Amino acid sequence: MKFISWNVNGLRAVVKKGFIEIFDELDADFFCLQETKLQEGQIDLDLPGYHSYWNYAEKKGYSGTAIFTKHEPSSISYGINKEEHDNEGRVITLTYPEYYVVTCYTPNSKNDLARLDYRMKWDQDFSDYLVKLDQEKPVIFCGDLNVAHKNIDLKNWKTNHKSPGFTNKERTNFTALLDRGFIDTFRYFYPSEEGAFSWWNYRFYARKNNAGWRI
């Protein structure tokens, strides 16, 4: 099966830039989106052959996730069953007979690390949620996890140790998640691959210079 995970940073804007054409070309079994920035009813997508599931943030124009899949699940859940986390539309879980599929948009710690304490609580609660699922059957989860785990996972690691997404606390939490039995599939297949990034700053010609992060 083919899984695609994509932080679209506003789905309505991306639709105007060829999303449907890209979607059709990729022809994935599961298409998991993060940061859709939508409220219910704000977009009407025609995706023949796909089941669509949406989780919206209460705050308008913020966060949000979606999954489009060719495979209808037996059940769908939204959030991680924690009231303090479940108003930002960050998690969708699809249940199948032999596995779970989870997509996640992890909270950003913010430039001044104003949300780092909340992020630490989220990391622990989300990890516990995944482990509970994994005790029942295998879990496939993907998304924007907002952490570059190792130095190899970002271009300018020497100057970013206090930046959100590369603090020691965030990286340690990701290590702890892997220690609980989960696998970073990209690093499993490409353990020494450099320059493989999923996010670039809009400033400083970062995309042109491939000065990115794998998050």
Protein backbone atom coordinates (compact mmCIF):
# COMPACT_ATOMS: atom_id res chain seq x y z
CA MET A 1 0.00 0.00 0.00
CA LYS A 2 1.02 3.57 -0.62
CA PHE A 3 0.88 6.23 2.11
CA ILE A 4 1.36 9.95 1.55
CA SER A 5 1.74 12.45 4.40
CA TRP A 6 1.70 16.17 3.60
CA ASN A 7 1.50 19.34 5.68
CA VAL A 8 -0.41 21.50 3.21
CA ASN A 9 -0.31 24.68 5.34
CA GLY A 10 -3.80 25.64 4.21
CA LEU A 11 -5.68 23.25 1.93
CA ARG A 12 -7.76 25.88 0.16
CA ALA A 13 -4.62 27.64 -1.04
CA VAL A 14 -3.03 24.38 -2.19
CA VAL A 15 -6.14 23.37 -4.13
CA LYS A 16 -5.68 26.54 -6.19
CA LYS A 17 -2.10 25.45 -6.94
CA GLY A 18 -2.81 22.02 -8.44
CA PHE A 19 -3.59 19.79 -5.46
CA ILE A 20 -6.09 17.66 -7.37
CA GLU A 21 -3.62 16.99 -10.19
CA ILE A 22 -0.93 15.98 -7.69
CA PHE A 23 -3.42 13.86 -5.77
CA ASP A 24 -4.46 11.99 -8.92
CA GLU A 25 -0.87 11.47 -10.03
CA LEU A 26 0.26 10.05 -6.68
CA ASP A 27 -2.69 7.62 -6.53
CA ALA A 28 -2.08 6.70 -2.88
CA ASP A 29 -4.08 4.29 -0.77
CA PHE A 30 -3.91 6.73 2.14
CA PHE A 31 -3.45 10.47 1.77
CA CYS A 32 -2.89 12.09 5.17
CA LEU A 33 -2.93 15.88 5.45
CA GLN A 34 -1.92 18.18 8.26
CA GLU A 35 -2.55 21.88 8.89
CA THR A 36 -5.60 21.98 6.64
CA LYS A 37 -6.73 25.25 8.30
CA LEU A 38 -10.40 24.60 7.57
CA GLN A 39 -13.78 24.68 9.20
CA GLU A 40 -16.50 22.25 8.19
CA GLY A 41 -18.12 23.20 4.89
CA GLN A 42 -15.34 25.51 3.70
CA ILE A 43 -14.19 23.24 0.89
CA ASP A 44 -15.82 20.76 -1.48
CA LEU A 45 -13.39 18.23 -2.94
CA ASP A 46 -14.41 15.68 -5.56
CA LEU A 47 -12.19 12.64 -4.94
CA PRO A 48 -13.83 9.65 -6.66
CA GLY A 49 -12.99 6.33 -5.06
CA TYR A 50 -11.88 7.86 -1.76
CA HIS A 51 -13.45 8.07 1.68
CA SER A 52 -12.76 11.40 3.38
CA TYR A 53 -12.33 12.07 7.10
CA TRP A 54 -11.74 15.49 8.66
CA ASN A 55 -10.79 16.79 12.08
CA TYR A 56 -11.25 20.54 12.49
CA ALA A 57 -9.79 22.88 15.09
CA GLU A 58 -12.23 24.97 17.09
CA LYS A 59 -10.11 28.03 16.27
CA LYS A 60 -10.78 29.25 12.73
CA GLY A 61 -7.97 29.02 10.17
CA TYR A 62 -5.80 26.91 12.44
CA SER A 63 -4.36 23.40 12.56
CA GLY A 64 -6.64 20.59 11.34
CA THR A 65 -6.07 17.18 9.76
CA ALA A 66 -7.65 15.00 7.08
CA ILE A 67 -7.33 11.49 5.67
CA PHE A 68 -8.46 10.41 2.20
CA THR A 69 -8.37 6.66 1.67
CA LYS A 70 -9.46 4.01 -0.80
CA HIS A 71 -10.06 1.62 2.10
CA GLU A 72 -13.15 2.20 4.22
CA PRO A 73 -12.33 1.70 7.92
CA SER A 74 -14.50 -0.15 10.38
CA SER A 75 -14.45 2.87 12.69
CA ILE A 76 -13.01 6.39 12.94
CA SER A 77 -11.97 8.39 15.99
CA TYR A 78 -10.84 11.97 16.37
CA GLY A 79 -8.31 13.18 18.92
CA ILE A 80 -6.60 11.14 21.64
CA ASN A 81 -9.34 11.15 24.28
CA LYS A 82 -7.73 13.97 26.26
CA GLU A 83 -9.87 17.08 26.61
CA GLU A 84 -6.89 19.43 26.89
CA HIS A 85 -5.59 18.24 23.50
CA ASP A 86 -8.66 17.53 21.44
CA ASN A 87 -9.86 21.01 20.43
CA GLU A 88 -7.22 21.66 17.77
CA GLY A 89 -8.08 18.92 15.24
CA ARG A 90 -4.68 17.26 15.44
CA VAL A 91 -5.31 13.50 15.26
CA ILE A 92 -7.44 11.09 13.22
CA THR A 93 -7.40 7.32 13.78
CA LEU A 94 -8.83 4.80 11.32
CA THR A 95 -9.47 1.24 12.49
CA TYR A 96 -9.01 -1.79 10.23
CA PRO A 97 -9.18 -5.50 11.08
CA GLU A 98 -5.40 -5.92 11.15
CA TYR A 99 -4.01 -2.44 11.92
CA TYR A 100 -4.64 1.19 12.82
CA VAL A 101 -3.79 4.22 10.67
CA VAL A 102 -3.14 7.45 12.57
CA THR A 103 -2.28 10.88 11.25
CA CYS A 104 -1.04 13.60 13.57
CA TYR A 105 -0.17 17.29 13.47
CA THR A 106 2.05 17.76 16.53
CA PRO A 107 1.88 21.15 18.29
CA ASN A 108 4.73 23.52 17.54
CA SER A 109 6.60 24.83 20.57
CA LYS A 110 6.59 28.36 19.09
CA ASN A 111 9.58 30.57 18.33
CA ASP A 112 10.04 31.70 21.93
CA LEU A 113 9.32 28.18 23.20
CA ALA A 114 6.19 29.58 24.82
CA ARG A 115 4.39 26.29 24.21
CA LEU A 116 7.22 23.92 25.08
CA ASP A 117 5.68 22.83 28.39
CA TYR A 118 2.41 22.04 26.63
CA ARG A 119 4.35 20.22 23.92
CA MET A 120 6.01 18.02 26.54
CA LYS A 121 2.59 17.03 27.91
CA TRP A 122 1.32 16.38 24.37
CA ASP A 123 4.30 14.18 23.49
CA GLN A 124 3.74 11.98 26.53
CA ASP A 125 -0.02 11.71 26.07
CA PHE A 126 0.23 11.02 22.34
CA SER A 127 2.91 8.40 22.95
CA ASP A 128 0.69 6.72 25.54
CA TYR A 129 -2.21 6.80 23.07
CA LEU A 130 -0.15 5.08 20.37
CA VAL A 131 1.14 2.44 22.77
CA LYS A 132 -2.39 1.63 23.89
CA LEU A 133 -3.42 1.12 20.26
CA ASP A 134 -0.30 -0.93 19.57
CA GLN A 135 -1.19 -3.31 22.37
CA GLU A 136 -4.26 -4.28 20.32
CA LYS A 137 -2.79 -4.39 16.79
CA PRO A 138 -0.02 -2.75 14.73
CA VAL A 139 -0.10 1.03 14.25
CA ILE A 140 0.90 2.94 11.13
CA PHE A 141 1.18 6.61 12.01
CA CYS A 142 2.37 9.55 9.99
CA GLY A 143 2.19 13.31 10.00
CA ASP A 144 4.00 16.50 10.81
CA LEU A 145 5.69 15.59 14.08
CA ASN A 146 7.43 18.97 14.45
CA VAL A 147 10.75 17.50 15.54
CA ALA A 148 14.03 16.93 13.74
CA HIS A 149 15.39 13.94 15.62
CA LYS A 150 19.09 13.89 14.76
CA ASN A 151 21.67 16.33 13.39
CA ILE A 152 21.31 14.64 10.00
CA ASP A 153 17.63 15.66 9.94
CA LEU A 154 18.27 19.37 9.38
CA LYS A 155 20.78 21.41 7.42
CA ASN A 156 21.94 23.94 10.01
CA TRP A 157 21.88 21.87 13.17
CA LYS A 158 24.73 23.69 14.90
CA THR A 159 22.75 26.93 15.20
CA ASN A 160 19.34 25.46 16.01
CA HIS A 161 19.70 23.69 19.36
CA LYS A 162 17.35 26.18 21.03
CA SER A 163 14.92 26.36 18.12
CA PRO A 164 11.42 24.85 18.34
CA GLY A 165 11.51 21.36 16.90
CA PHE A 166 15.17 20.77 17.77
CA THR A 167 15.35 21.30 21.51
CA ASN A 168 16.90 18.52 23.55
CA LYS A 169 13.55 17.89 25.24
CA GLU A 170 11.69 17.38 21.97
CA ARG A 171 14.38 15.16 20.52
CA THR A 172 14.55 13.11 23.72
CA ASN A 173 10.80 12.57 23.58
CA PHE A 174 11.05 11.29 20.03
CA THR A 175 13.81 8.90 21.08
CA ALA A 176 11.55 7.70 23.88
CA LEU A 177 8.75 7.04 21.38
CA LEU A 178 11.08 4.91 19.27
CA ASP A 179 12.21 3.10 22.41
CA ARG A 180 8.59 2.09 22.98
CA GLY A 181 8.72 0.00 19.83
CA PHE A 182 7.93 2.38 16.97
CA ILE A 183 10.09 2.78 13.87
CA ASP A 184 11.16 5.87 11.95
CA THR A 185 10.58 4.22 8.59
CA PHE A 186 12.54 6.76 6.56
CA ARG A 187 15.67 6.25 8.68
CA TYR A 188 15.08 2.49 8.64
CA PHE A 189 15.41 2.46 4.85
CA TYR A 190 17.81 5.41 4.49
CA PRO A 191 19.92 5.52 7.66
CA SER A 192 22.61 7.85 6.30
CA GLU A 193 20.67 9.87 3.72
CA GLU A 194 21.48 13.59 4.01
CA GLY A 195 19.54 16.52 2.61
CA ALA A 196 16.18 14.72 2.80
CA PHE A 197 13.87 17.35 4.24
CA SER A 198 10.14 17.97 4.53
CA TRP A 199 10.03 21.63 5.65
CA TRP A 200 11.86 24.81 4.63
CA ASN A 201 11.62 28.32 6.03
CA TYR A 202 9.97 30.78 3.66
CA ARG A 203 12.83 33.22 4.23
CA PHE A 204 16.51 33.28 3.26
CA TYR A 205 16.03 31.22 0.06
CA ALA A 206 15.87 28.14 2.27
CA ARG A 207 14.03 25.98 -0.26
CA LYS A 208 16.36 26.99 -3.09
CA ASN A 209 19.39 26.16 -0.93
CA ASN A 210 17.77 23.04 0.55
CA ALA A 211 18.31 24.43 4.05
CA GLY A 212 15.48 22.37 5.48
CA TRP A 213 14.30 20.11 8.24
CA ARG A 214 12.87 16.58 8.21
CA ILE A 215 9.99 16.79 10.66
